[in-house]
Amino acid sequence: MGHRKAYINGIVVCMDKKRTVLNPGHIVIEDDKIVQVTGNINDIAVSEFIDSANKVVFPGLVNTHAKMRPVMD
């Protein structure tokens, strides 16, 4: 197992079709890869915690600068 850290207590907007929001939400990173997204802090085991309270976190969002067209439902 590599270095694991967790961003905890953030407002996590999941990149699923429903745009699920976990508040509070927690994201576990291992060696620069997301390995877990959860709403239960008791589910995570890491050596480093980063408090993300009152911050919005988008796990899996890669390109934040691209020009995007609106999606019509």
Protein backbone atom coordinates (compact mmCIF):
# COMPACT_ATOMS: atom_id res chain seq x y z
CA MET A 1 0.00 0.00 0.00
CA GLY A 2 1.34 3.44 -0.96
CA HIS A 3 0.88 6.80 0.72
CA ARG A 4 -2.80 7.38 1.48
CA LYS A 5 -4.40 10.69 2.39
CA ALA A 6 -8.01 11.73 2.77
CA TYR A 7 -9.82 14.96 2.03
CA ILE A 8 -12.52 14.93 4.69
CA ASN A 9 -15.69 16.87 5.52
CA GLY A 10 -16.02 18.46 2.08
CA ILE A 11 -19.08 18.88 -0.10
CA VAL A 12 -18.35 16.11 -2.60
CA VAL A 13 -20.13 16.35 -5.96
CA CYS A 14 -19.81 12.91 -7.53
CA MET A 15 -19.36 12.69 -11.28
CA ASP A 16 -22.16 10.15 -11.72
CA LYS A 17 -25.28 10.75 -13.85
CA LYS A 18 -27.28 11.93 -10.82
CA ARG A 19 -24.49 14.28 -9.62
CA THR A 20 -24.81 12.74 -6.16
CA VAL A 21 -23.76 15.13 -3.38
CA LEU A 22 -22.15 13.82 -0.19
CA ASN A 23 -22.18 16.42 2.57
CA PRO A 24 -20.04 15.72 4.43
CA GLY A 25 -18.08 13.66 1.96
CA HIS A 26 -14.63 12.13 2.10
CA ILE A 27 -12.18 11.23 -0.67
CA VAL A 28 -9.23 8.88 -0.21
CA ILE A 29 -6.18 9.31 -2.46
CA GLU A 30 -3.44 6.72 -2.81
CA ASP A 31 -0.36 7.57 -4.87
CA ASP A 32 -2.20 10.35 -6.75
CA LYS A 33 -5.24 8.19 -7.60
CA ILE A 34 -8.73 8.32 -6.11
CA VAL A 35 -9.35 4.98 -4.44
CA GLN A 36 -12.48 5.73 -2.39
CA VAL A 37 -15.32 8.23 -2.17
CA THR A 38 -17.60 7.84 0.83
CA GLY A 39 -20.01 9.65 3.10
CA ASN A 40 -18.93 7.62 6.14
CA ILE A 41 -15.68 8.75 7.75
CA ASN A 42 -15.49 5.45 9.66
CA ASP A 43 -14.90 3.65 6.32
CA ILE A 44 -11.49 5.20 5.72
CA ALA A 45 -8.02 4.30 6.99
CA VAL A 46 -5.27 6.77 6.10
CA SER A 47 -2.16 8.34 7.57
CA GLU A 48 -2.93 11.95 6.56
CA PHE A 49 -6.16 13.95 6.80
CA ILE A 50 -6.85 17.22 4.98
CA ASP A 51 -9.90 19.09 6.25
CA SER A 52 -12.05 20.31 3.35
CA ALA A 53 -14.93 21.68 5.42
CA ASN A 54 -17.05 24.25 3.55
CA LYS A 55 -15.28 23.46 0.28
CA VAL A 56 -16.76 21.82 -2.82
CA VAL A 57 -14.78 18.85 -4.14
CA PHE A 58 -15.25 17.28 -7.60
CA PRO A 59 -13.55 13.85 -7.63
CA GLY A 60 -12.60 12.71 -11.11
CA LEU A 61 -12.92 16.09 -12.80
CA VAL A 62 -9.88 16.22 -15.04
CA ASN A 63 -10.08 19.22 -17.37
CA THR A 64 -11.57 22.31 -15.73
CA HIS A 65 -10.60 24.72 -18.50
CA ALA A 66 -12.27 23.17 -21.57
CA LYS A 67 -15.00 25.06 -23.35
CA MET A 68 -18.16 23.01 -22.92
CA ARG A 69 -21.53 23.21 -24.58
CA PRO A 70 -24.62 23.06 -22.36
CA VAL A 71 -26.27 19.68 -21.94
CA MET A 72 -29.97 19.71 -22.70
CA ASP A 73 -32.07 17.08 -20.91
